Protein backbone atom coordinates (compact mmCIF):
# COMPACT_ATOMS: atom_id res chain seq x y z
CA UNK A 1 5.12 8.56 21.82
CA UNK A 2 5.89 6.35 19.21
CA UNK A 3 5.31 7.36 15.90
CA UNK A 4 4.85 3.72 14.46
CA UNK A 5 1.44 3.10 12.18
CA UNK A 6 0.43 -0.26 12.45
CA UNK A 7 -1.49 -2.03 10.08
CA UNK A 8 -4.27 -2.59 12.81
CA UNK A 9 -4.79 -1.94 16.52
CA UNK A 10 -7.87 -3.11 18.11
CA UNK A 11 -10.04 -0.43 19.78
CA UNK A 12 -12.02 -1.39 22.82
CA UNK A 13 -13.98 0.75 25.02
CA UNK A 14 -12.41 -0.57 27.99
CA UNK A 15 -15.19 0.74 31.02
CA UNK A 16 -17.96 -0.59 29.04
CA UNK A 17 -16.21 -3.91 28.24
CA UNK A 18 -15.23 -4.33 31.84
CA UNK A 19 -18.73 -3.67 33.25
CA UNK A 20 -19.97 -6.28 30.71
CA UNK A 21 -17.26 -8.72 31.94
CA UNK A 22 -17.98 -7.72 35.74
CA UNK A 23 -21.66 -9.12 35.24
CA UNK A 24 -19.84 -12.79 34.50
CA UNK A 25 -17.72 -12.67 37.04
CA UNK A 26 -20.39 -11.42 39.37
CA UNK A 27 -23.00 -14.08 38.19
CA UNK A 28 -20.23 -16.73 38.38
CA UNK A 29 -20.57 -17.60 34.69
CA UNK A 30 -17.95 -17.13 32.14
CA UNK A 31 -18.53 -20.18 29.89
CA UNK A 32 -21.14 -20.49 27.06
CA UNK A 33 -24.75 -19.60 27.72
CA UNK A 34 -24.74 -16.17 29.58
CA UNK A 35 -23.45 -13.74 27.49
CA UNK A 36 -23.39 -15.77 24.43
CA UNK A 37 -26.88 -15.98 24.25
CA UNK A 38 -27.19 -12.22 24.53
CA UNK A 39 -24.55 -11.65 21.74
CA UNK A 40 -26.55 -14.43 19.58
CA UNK A 41 -29.85 -12.48 19.84
CA UNK A 42 -27.98 -8.93 19.21
CA UNK A 43 -26.20 -10.39 16.33
CA UNK A 44 -29.75 -11.53 14.48
CA UNK A 45 -31.28 -8.37 15.34
CA UNK A 46 -28.63 -6.31 13.74
CA UNK A 47 -28.42 -8.54 10.80
CA UNK A 48 -31.68 -9.80 10.21
CA UNK A 49 -30.25 -13.30 10.02
CA UNK A 50 -32.84 -15.95 11.30
CA UNK A 51 -29.92 -17.78 13.43
CA UNK A 52 -26.61 -17.02 15.02
CA UNK A 53 -24.74 -19.35 17.12
CA UNK A 54 -21.57 -17.96 18.65
CA UNK A 55 -18.31 -19.99 18.57
CA UNK A 56 -14.39 -19.91 19.65
CA UNK A 57 -13.27 -18.63 16.24
CA UNK A 58 -14.70 -18.35 12.48
CA UNK A 59 -11.91 -21.09 11.78
CA UNK A 60 -14.20 -23.31 13.99
CA UNK A 61 -17.10 -21.85 12.28
CA UNK A 62 -16.08 -22.54 8.75
CA UNK A 63 -15.30 -26.54 10.01
CA UNK A 64 -18.78 -26.61 11.49
CA UNK A 65 -20.49 -25.27 8.42
CA UNK A 66 -18.35 -27.98 6.24
CA UNK A 67 -18.94 -30.58 8.39
CA UNK A 68 -22.80 -30.30 9.08
CA UNK A 69 -23.22 -29.55 5.29
CA UNK A 70 -21.36 -32.93 4.29
CA UNK A 71 -23.44 -34.85 7.30
CA UNK A 72 -26.78 -33.16 5.83
CA UNK A 73 -26.23 -34.00 2.14
CA UNK A 74 -24.08 -37.34 2.46
CA UNK A 75 -21.11 -36.14 0.60
CA UNK A 76 -18.58 -38.47 0.31
CA UNK A 77 -14.85 -38.15 1.04
CA UNK A 78 -13.28 -36.63 -2.01
CA UNK A 79 -16.12 -34.48 -3.00
CA UNK A 80 -15.16 -31.03 -4.10
CA UNK A 81 -15.62 -27.49 -3.01
CA UNK A 82 -14.76 -24.76 -4.94
CA UNK A 83 -13.13 -21.94 -2.92
CA UNK A 84 -10.29 -19.02 -3.62
CA UNK A 85 -6.81 -19.25 -3.20
CA UNK A 86 -6.52 -15.24 -2.35
CA UNK A 87 -7.49 -16.09 1.43
CA UNK A 88 -6.43 -16.79 4.86
CA UNK A 89 -5.39 -20.80 5.07
CA UNK A 90 -8.37 -21.20 7.86
CA UNK A 91 -11.04 -20.95 4.67
CA UNK A 92 -9.36 -24.10 3.01
CA UNK A 93 -8.32 -26.21 5.94
CA UNK A 94 -11.83 -26.21 6.81
CA UNK A 95 -12.65 -28.19 3.62
CA UNK A 96 -9.63 -30.46 4.24
CA UNK A 97 -10.58 -31.24 7.59
CA UNK A 98 -13.54 -32.95 6.12
CA UNK A 99 -11.45 -35.06 3.72
CA UNK A 100 -12.89 -32.99 1.00
CA UNK A 101 -11.12 -31.64 -2.03
CA UNK A 102 -10.25 -28.11 -2.69
CA UNK A 103 -10.56 -26.53 -6.31
CA UNK A 104 -9.47 -23.38 -6.49
CA UNK A 105 -11.20 -20.81 -8.69
CA UNK A 106 -9.57 -17.40 -10.12
CA UNK A 107 -10.45 -14.18 -8.65
CA UNK A 108 -11.88 -10.83 -10.53
CA UNK A 109 -11.23 -6.94 -10.20
CA UNK A 110 -12.59 -7.04 -6.58
CA UNK A 111 -10.02 -9.98 -5.61
CA UNK A 112 -13.03 -12.23 -4.80
CA UNK A 113 -14.10 -15.12 -6.46
CA UNK A 114 -14.81 -14.89 -10.31
CA UNK A 115 -18.23 -16.83 -11.24
CA UNK A 116 -17.01 -17.32 -14.52
CA UNK A 117 -14.22 -19.14 -13.22
CA UNK A 118 -16.28 -21.08 -10.72
CA UNK A 119 -18.58 -22.33 -13.45
CA UNK A 120 -15.65 -23.39 -15.52
CA UNK A 121 -14.59 -25.72 -12.39
CA UNK A 122 -17.92 -27.50 -11.53
CA UNK A 123 -18.04 -31.15 -12.01
CA UNK A 124 -19.83 -33.96 -11.19
CA UNK A 125 -18.20 -34.10 -7.72
CA UNK A 126 -18.99 -30.42 -6.67
CA UNK A 127 -21.06 -29.90 -3.81
CA UNK A 128 -20.46 -26.37 -2.83
CA UNK A 129 -18.47 -23.16 -3.25
CA UNK A 130 -17.00 -20.84 -0.39
CA UNK A 131 -16.86 -17.33 -1.13
CA UNK A 132 -14.86 -15.13 0.72
CA UNK A 133 -15.67 -11.51 0.86
CA UNK A 134 -12.30 -10.32 0.91
CA UNK A 135 -11.48 -7.00 2.95
CA UNK A 136 -15.50 -6.81 3.30
CA UNK A 137 -16.22 -6.48 -0.24
CA UNK A 138 -18.95 -8.25 -1.54
CA UNK A 139 -17.50 -8.50 -5.46
CA UNK A 140 -19.95 -10.50 -7.48
CA UNK A 141 -21.63 -12.66 -4.58
CA UNK A 142 -25.04 -12.01 -6.02
CA UNK A 143 -23.86 -13.74 -9.50
CA UNK A 144 -22.19 -16.53 -7.35
CA UNK A 145 -25.59 -16.77 -5.69
CA UNK A 146 -27.54 -17.63 -8.84
CA UNK A 147 -24.90 -19.97 -9.88
CA UNK A 148 -24.98 -22.07 -6.85
CA UNK A 149 -29.00 -22.27 -7.55
CA UNK A 150 -28.49 -23.12 -11.26
CA UNK A 151 -26.07 -25.84 -10.26
CA UNK A 152 -27.78 -27.12 -6.86
CA UNK A 153 -24.90 -26.09 -5.15
CA UNK A 154 -24.46 -24.91 -1.22
CA UNK A 155 -23.32 -21.49 -0.86
CA UNK A 156 -20.58 -20.80 2.39
CA UNK A 157 -19.99 -17.52 2.64
CA UNK A 158 -16.74 -16.80 4.93
CA UNK A 159 -17.87 -13.35 5.90
CA UNK A 160 -14.36 -13.10 8.24
CA UNK A 161 -14.31 -9.33 6.98
CA UNK A 162 -17.57 -8.71 6.51
CA UNK A 163 -19.04 -7.69 9.89
CA UNK A 164 -21.23 -4.89 9.04
CA UNK A 165 -21.21 -5.25 5.20
CA UNK A 166 -24.36 -4.84 3.25
CA UNK A 167 -25.54 -5.18 -0.12
CA UNK A 168 -28.36 -2.78 -1.34
CA UNK A 169 -29.11 -1.96 2.16
CA UNK A 170 -29.39 -5.62 3.29
CA UNK A 171 -26.56 -7.02 5.71
CA UNK A 172 -25.01 -9.79 4.17
CA UNK A 173 -25.61 -13.57 4.83
CA UNK A 174 -29.12 -13.73 3.70
CA UNK A 175 -28.04 -15.25 0.32
CA UNK A 176 -26.12 -18.14 1.53
CA UNK A 177 -27.00 -21.56 3.38
CA UNK A 178 -24.34 -20.62 6.03
CA UNK A 179 -22.33 -17.60 6.82
CA UNK A 180 -19.49 -17.12 9.07
CA UNK A 181 -18.14 -14.16 10.63
CA UNK A 182 -14.90 -13.43 12.65
CA UNK A 183 -14.58 -11.48 15.62
CA UNK A 184 -11.21 -11.55 15.99
CA UNK A 185 -9.18 -8.97 17.80
CA UNK A 186 -7.96 -7.28 14.72
CA UNK A 187 -11.47 -7.37 13.04
CA UNK A 188 -14.12 -4.48 12.65
CA UNK A 189 -16.00 -6.27 15.46
CA UNK A 190 -13.12 -7.04 17.97
CA UNK A 191 -13.20 -9.36 20.55
CA UNK A 192 -10.01 -11.28 22.02
CA UNK A 193 -10.93 -14.21 19.65
CA UNK A 194 -14.67 -15.53 18.69
CA UNK A 195 -17.09 -16.02 15.48
CA UNK A 196 -20.19 -16.55 14.49
CA UNK A 197 -21.99 -19.29 12.41
CA UNK A 198 -25.41 -18.31 10.89
CA UNK A 199 -27.43 -21.25 9.20
CA UNK A 200 -30.42 -19.97 7.46
CA UNK A 201 -32.19 -23.24 8.12
CA UNK A 202 -33.67 -23.41 11.72
CA UNK A 203 -32.93 -27.39 11.85
CA UNK A 204 -29.27 -26.62 11.21
CA UNK A 205 -28.83 -24.06 13.68
CA UNK A 206 -30.11 -26.69 16.22
CA UNK A 207 -27.27 -29.16 14.96
CA UNK A 208 -24.43 -26.90 15.18
CA UNK A 209 -25.24 -26.18 18.98
CA UNK A 210 -24.59 -29.72 19.38
CA UNK A 211 -21.68 -30.47 17.19
CA UNK A 212 -19.88 -27.33 19.20
CA UNK A 213 -20.41 -28.87 22.44
CA UNK A 214 -18.91 -32.48 21.78
CA UNK A 215 -22.36 -33.84 20.35
CA UNK A 216 -24.09 -33.07 23.75
CA UNK A 217 -27.91 -32.50 23.50
CA UNK A 218 -27.98 -30.23 26.28
CA UNK A 219 -25.56 -27.46 27.02
CA UNK A 220 -24.53 -26.60 30.73
CA UNK A 221 -26.11 -23.65 31.10
CA UNK A 222 -29.56 -24.87 29.92
CA UNK A 223 -29.13 -27.54 32.23
CA UNK A 224 -28.06 -25.31 35.16
CA UNK A 225 -30.93 -22.90 34.76
CA UNK A 226 -33.45 -25.59 34.35
CA UNK A 227 -35.51 -27.15 37.17
CA UNK A 228 -36.23 -30.90 38.13
CA UNK A 229 -34.00 -33.59 39.36
CA UNK A 230 -32.69 -34.73 36.24
CA UNK A 231 -31.38 -31.65 34.70
CA UNK A 232 -27.81 -33.14 34.65
CA UNK A 233 -29.01 -35.95 32.39
CA UNK A 234 -28.09 -35.60 28.90
CA UNK A 235 -27.37 -37.52 25.89
CA UNK A 236 -24.21 -37.32 23.17
CA UNK A 237 -25.52 -37.86 20.04
CA UNK A 238 -22.54 -37.35 17.61
CA UNK A 239 -18.93 -36.98 17.88
CA UNK A 240 -18.68 -33.32 18.12
CA UNK A 241 -16.15 -30.79 18.98
CA UNK A 242 -15.43 -28.21 21.90
CA UNK A 243 -15.80 -25.11 19.68
CA UNK A 244 -18.48 -22.85 21.61
CA UNK A 245 -17.79 -19.64 22.51
CA UNK A 246 -17.49 -17.95 25.99
CA UNK A 247 -18.98 -15.18 27.79
CA UNK A 248 -16.22 -13.02 28.40
CA UNK A 249 -15.48 -13.00 24.89
CA UNK A 250 -19.34 -12.40 24.16
CA UNK A 251 -19.11 -9.58 26.57
CA UNK A 252 -16.45 -7.72 24.58
CA UNK A 253 -18.66 -8.46 21.51
CA UNK A 254 -21.84 -6.95 22.82
CA UNK A 255 -20.06 -3.40 23.52
CA UNK A 256 -18.18 -3.68 19.85
CA UNK A 257 -21.53 -4.33 18.28
CA UNK A 258 -23.14 -0.87 19.76
CA UNK A 259 -20.24 1.29 17.79
CA UNK A 260 -19.75 -1.46 14.57
CA UNK A 261 -21.75 0.98 12.12
CA UNK A 262 -19.93 3.91 13.59
CA UNK A 263 -16.81 2.44 13.29
CA UNK A 264 -17.30 1.24 9.81
CA UNK A 265 -18.39 4.78 8.84
CA UNK A 266 -15.24 5.94 9.98
CA UNK A 267 -13.03 3.09 8.03
CA UNK A 268 -14.83 4.34 5.21
CA UNK A 269 -13.54 7.90 5.86
CA UNK A 270 -10.20 6.72 6.09
CA UNK A 271 -10.59 4.88 2.95
CA UNK A 272 -12.04 8.14 1.19
CA UNK A 273 -8.84 9.96 2.48
CA UNK A 274 -6.68 7.27 1.00
CA UNK A 275 -8.44 7.55 -2.31
CA UNK A 276 -8.08 11.54 -2.52
CA UNK A 277 -4.46 11.61 -1.61
CA UNK A 278 -3.36 8.62 -3.60
CA UNK A 279 -5.29 10.00 -6.56
CA UNK A 280 -4.69 8.17 -9.82
CA UNK A 281 -0.82 7.08 -9.15
CA UNK A 282 -1.79 3.85 -7.74
CA UNK A 283 -4.27 0.70 -9.01
CA UNK A 284 -6.41 -0.06 -5.81
CA UNK A 285 -9.03 -2.68 -5.08
CA UNK A 286 -12.28 -0.91 -5.76
CA UNK A 287 -15.29 -1.80 -3.71
CA UNK A 288 -18.38 -3.62 -5.74
CA UNK A 289 -21.34 -1.43 -6.88
CA UNK A 290 -24.35 -1.75 -4.36
CA UNK A 291 -21.72 -2.80 -1.57
CA UNK A 292 -21.52 -0.91 1.42
CA UNK A 293 -18.18 -2.32 2.54
CA UNK A 294 -17.26 -2.82 6.18
CA UNK A 295 -13.85 -1.93 5.06
CA UNK A 296 -11.40 -4.00 6.86
CA UNK A 297 -9.00 -3.82 4.12
CA UNK A 298 -7.56 -0.78 2.06
CA UNK A 299 -5.82 -2.45 -0.70
CA UNK A 300 -3.68 -1.21 -3.75
CA UNK A 301 -1.73 -3.26 -6.09
CA UNK A 302 1.85 -1.83 -6.76
CA UNK A 303 4.70 -3.37 -8.89
CA UNK A 304 8.11 -3.98 -6.87
CA UNK A 305 5.91 -4.70 -3.70
CA UNK A 306 8.52 -6.25 -1.33
CA UNK A 307 10.85 -3.45 -1.84
CA UNK A 308 8.08 -0.73 -1.39
CA UNK A 309 7.13 -2.46 2.04
CA UNK A 310 10.67 -2.51 3.44
CA UNK A 311 10.80 1.07 2.38
CA UNK A 312 7.67 1.76 4.30
CA UNK A 313 9.02 -0.10 7.35
CA UNK A 314 12.01 2.39 7.58
CA UNK A 315 9.84 4.92 7.80
CA UNK A 316 8.01 3.29 10.75
CA UNK A 317 5.05 2.55 8.70
CA UNK A 318 3.69 -1.32 8.90
CA UNK A 319 1.55 -2.62 6.05
CA UNK A 320 0.34 -5.97 5.45
CA UNK A 321 -0.59 -8.59 2.49
CA UNK A 322 -3.81 -10.10 2.31
CA UNK A 323 -3.23 -12.74 1.19
CA UNK A 324 -0.15 -14.78 0.21
CA UNK A 325 -1.64 -17.06 -2.46
CA UNK A 326 -2.33 -20.30 -0.87
CA UNK A 327 -0.87 -22.18 -4.13
CA UNK A 328 2.66 -20.82 -2.82
CA UNK A 329 2.43 -23.24 0.07
CA UNK A 330 3.56 -26.80 -0.49
CA UNK A 331 -0.07 -28.44 0.11
CA UNK A 332 -1.39 -26.39 -2.66
CA UNK A 333 1.59 -26.38 -5.02
CA UNK A 334 0.31 -28.85 -7.44
CA UNK A 335 -2.58 -26.12 -8.43
CA UNK A 336 0.01 -23.34 -8.80
CA UNK A 337 -0.89 -22.50 -12.49
CA UNK A 338 -4.81 -22.95 -11.79
CA UNK A 339 -5.11 -19.21 -10.58
CA UNK A 340 -2.86 -16.78 -12.79
CA UNK A 341 -4.98 -13.43 -11.66
CA UNK A 342 -4.88 -14.24 -7.92
CA UNK A 343 -1.21 -15.35 -8.52
CA UNK A 344 -0.18 -11.74 -9.73
CA UNK A 345 -2.68 -9.98 -7.43
CA UNK A 346 -0.59 -11.81 -4.17
CA UNK A 347 2.59 -10.58 -5.67
CA UNK A 348 1.46 -7.07 -6.01
CA UNK A 349 -1.06 -6.46 -2.89
CA UNK A 350 -0.42 -3.93 -0.21
CA UNK A 351 -2.95 -3.61 2.73
CA UNK A 352 -2.52 -0.18 4.08
CA UNK A 353 -2.72 0.67 7.46
CA UNK A 354 -6.59 0.96 8.46
CA UNK A 355 -7.75 1.01 12.09
CA UNK A 356 -10.13 3.65 14.55
CA UNK A 357 -7.04 4.96 16.15
CA UNK A 358 -5.48 6.50 12.82
CA UNK A 359 -6.12 10.50 11.95
CA UNK A 360 -6.19 12.35 8.55
CA UNK A 361 -2.77 13.16 9.73
CA UNK A 362 -1.81 9.81 9.68
CA UNK A 363 -3.26 9.08 6.25
CA UNK A 364 -1.65 12.05 4.91
CA UNK A 365 1.61 10.69 6.31
CA UNK A 366 1.61 7.18 4.69
CA UNK A 367 0.22 8.62 1.30
CA UNK A 368 3.34 11.27 0.98
CA UNK A 369 5.97 8.56 2.01
CA UNK A 370 4.44 6.01 -0.38
CA UNK A 371 4.50 8.42 -3.34
CA UNK A 372 7.99 9.45 -2.57
CA UNK A 373 9.16 5.99 -2.24
CA UNK A 374 7.97 4.74 -5.63
CA UNK A 375 8.83 8.18 -7.22
CA UNK A 376 12.33 7.37 -6.02
CA UNK A 377 12.61 4.17 -7.97
CA UNK A 378 13.77 3.45 -11.34
CA UNK A 379 11.47 4.47 -13.69
CA UNK A 380 10.50 1.04 -15.01
CA UNK A 381 9.67 -0.05 -11.51
CA UNK A 382 6.94 2.71 -10.96
CA UNK A 383 3.54 1.36 -10.89
CA UNK A 384 1.07 2.07 -13.83
CA UNK A 385 -0.41 5.60 -13.94
CA UNK A 386 -4.24 4.77 -13.97
CA UNK A 387 -6.15 2.17 -12.13
CA UNK A 388 -6.80 -0.89 -14.18
CA UNK A 389 -9.54 -2.15 -11.89
CA UNK A 390 -13.00 -0.75 -12.99
CA UNK A 391 -16.29 -1.63 -11.17
CA UNK A 392 -18.76 -4.29 -12.88
CA UNK A 393 -21.46 -2.21 -13.50
């Protein structure tokens, strides 16, 4: 049996998943409209959000969010959306797809966008804020909501890591104009791939269903189950995309959703073991007050990060980095000096292994190995002895 401890390993309840998929095969319907509808209904019930539309990926959902808001409010090419440089590239690709400009705000102690930095970057061309809940953390989202209302800006919540995250007991998503979740294989609610786009406006929810199906105003499932000789007759109203989800992926999601709260609770238990065993030796990214995080990530910040990661690999422990600051990429290099906190954090972040197949013994092994590696390094390269990141009260 392998002694490897990987960063992520998806957990599927195989028999239950196969039973759900079997229904699709027996009905002869694997595309959009059978299990996708069931998953959308289950997601709105779980989150309390008014709308949910299952799409092929969170990236597709983010693109649709930006496109529809641009259409609705007549944004011009070259208008600006304030985003974060400490995210997966798809967050900012969604902005560029629509010929809008990305403006980076810096991060706070939660590695989420700092409201003060956002406000400093608002210009007459600013149209929206794209807030990323890194690792499931809400950061200062409530303050960002107030800021958007003050300046009449749309709020797009990139909740790719936030399936199951709650703020003061309520699931995230109610605060934003549109929220996008990821159900990728390594996320807390794993399918092979998929995402959910949730507009709080009912009319926008109707629109996004056309845009995700090439602009067609009647989806195939509706036309199939409807009565009458003209059920094949439809119109193409906009130049949409083929971004809709399918029933196979939705089947996996329906099973995962049943266990999401239980799984997230265990992830928080793993994180509490990390906290206990690492003690005050390492600087860690705190969870914001009032946030019950999904704990998609457990992150520490450490000097000499790359050497530490290589040493962990030699012990068959495979952490990750979330993320390389986007200004390190050529396409954003012109903004390299605009986000100093995000840049420093990106050079020091380690995401420690965190998944449902881990045990207390795994956490103990990781922590013991990490401590030995750091203690064996020259004194000048050892991390600070006390956490620097304190929660905002």
